[in-house]
């Protein structure tokens, strides 16, 4: 994906993944009262993963050249 549209699409996809995984995690552990905390932690984890994925992808691309 190239350009701003590609970046925004990827970030939104990872944000949605974080929300969905937070909801699933809270339902799995029967902690509906902490659903916002699980969603926040899942979104944070997804964004950190996306950051490192982009850094490693850029690094390996430069290394391959």
Protein backbone atom coordinates (compact mmCIF):
# COMPACT_ATOMS: atom_id res chain seq x y z
CA UNK A 1 0.00 0.00 0.00
CA UNK A 2 1.33 3.36 -0.95
CA UNK A 3 0.60 6.88 0.12
CA UNK A 4 -1.45 8.35 2.90
CA UNK A 5 -4.52 6.27 2.04
CA UNK A 6 -2.55 3.05 2.45
CA UNK A 7 -1.08 4.15 5.77
CA UNK A 8 -4.48 5.23 7.11
CA UNK A 9 -6.04 1.95 5.98
CA UNK A 10 -3.35 -0.04 7.74
CA UNK A 11 -3.60 1.98 10.96
CA UNK A 12 -7.39 1.71 11.00
CA UNK A 13 -7.18 -2.04 10.39
CA UNK A 14 -4.82 -2.45 13.35
CA UNK A 15 -7.02 -0.24 15.54
CA UNK A 16 -10.03 -2.38 14.65
CA UNK A 17 -8.00 -5.49 15.36
CA UNK A 18 -7.12 -4.07 18.78
CA UNK A 19 -10.76 -3.31 19.59
CA UNK A 20 -11.97 -6.73 18.50
CA UNK A 21 -9.22 -8.58 20.36
CA UNK A 22 -9.91 -6.52 23.51
CA UNK A 23 -13.60 -7.41 23.39
CA UNK A 24 -12.85 -11.09 22.78
CA UNK A 25 -10.31 -11.11 25.61
CA UNK A 26 -12.76 -9.55 28.07
CA UNK A 27 -15.52 -11.98 27.10
CA UNK A 28 -13.15 -14.95 27.28
CA UNK A 29 -12.12 -14.09 30.86
CA UNK A 30 -15.67 -13.01 31.86
CA UNK A 31 -14.50 -9.51 32.80
CA UNK A 32 -17.04 -7.35 31.03
CA UNK A 33 -16.57 -4.62 33.66
CA UNK A 34 -12.96 -4.04 32.46
CA UNK A 35 -13.75 -4.08 28.74
CA UNK A 36 -12.45 -0.53 28.18
CA UNK A 37 -9.12 -1.40 29.83
CA UNK A 38 -8.71 -4.51 27.69
CA UNK A 39 -9.58 -2.58 24.54
CA UNK A 40 -7.05 0.14 25.40
CA UNK A 41 -4.30 -2.39 26.12
CA UNK A 42 -5.09 -4.33 22.94
CA UNK A 43 -5.03 -1.18 20.80
CA UNK A 44 -1.73 -0.15 22.37
CA UNK A 45 -0.26 -3.59 21.70
CA UNK A 46 -1.49 -3.56 18.10
CA UNK A 47 0.03 -0.13 17.47
CA UNK A 48 3.37 -1.18 18.99
CA UNK A 49 3.33 -4.31 16.83
CA UNK A 50 2.55 -2.22 13.73
CA UNK A 51 5.41 0.16 14.53
CA UNK A 52 7.97 -2.63 14.87
CA UNK A 53 6.60 -4.40 11.82
CA UNK A 54 7.13 -1.27 9.72
CA UNK A 55 10.61 -0.68 11.18
CA UNK A 56 11.71 -4.25 10.49
CA UNK A 57 10.18 -4.22 7.02
CA UNK A 58 12.00 -0.98 6.19
CA UNK A 59 15.24 -2.34 7.67
CA UNK A 60 15.09 -5.61 5.75
CA UNK A 61 14.23 -3.73 2.56
CA UNK A 62 17.32 -1.52 2.95
CA UNK A 63 19.44 -4.56 3.85
CA UNK A 64 18.32 -6.44 0.74
CA UNK A 65 19.38 -3.62 -1.58
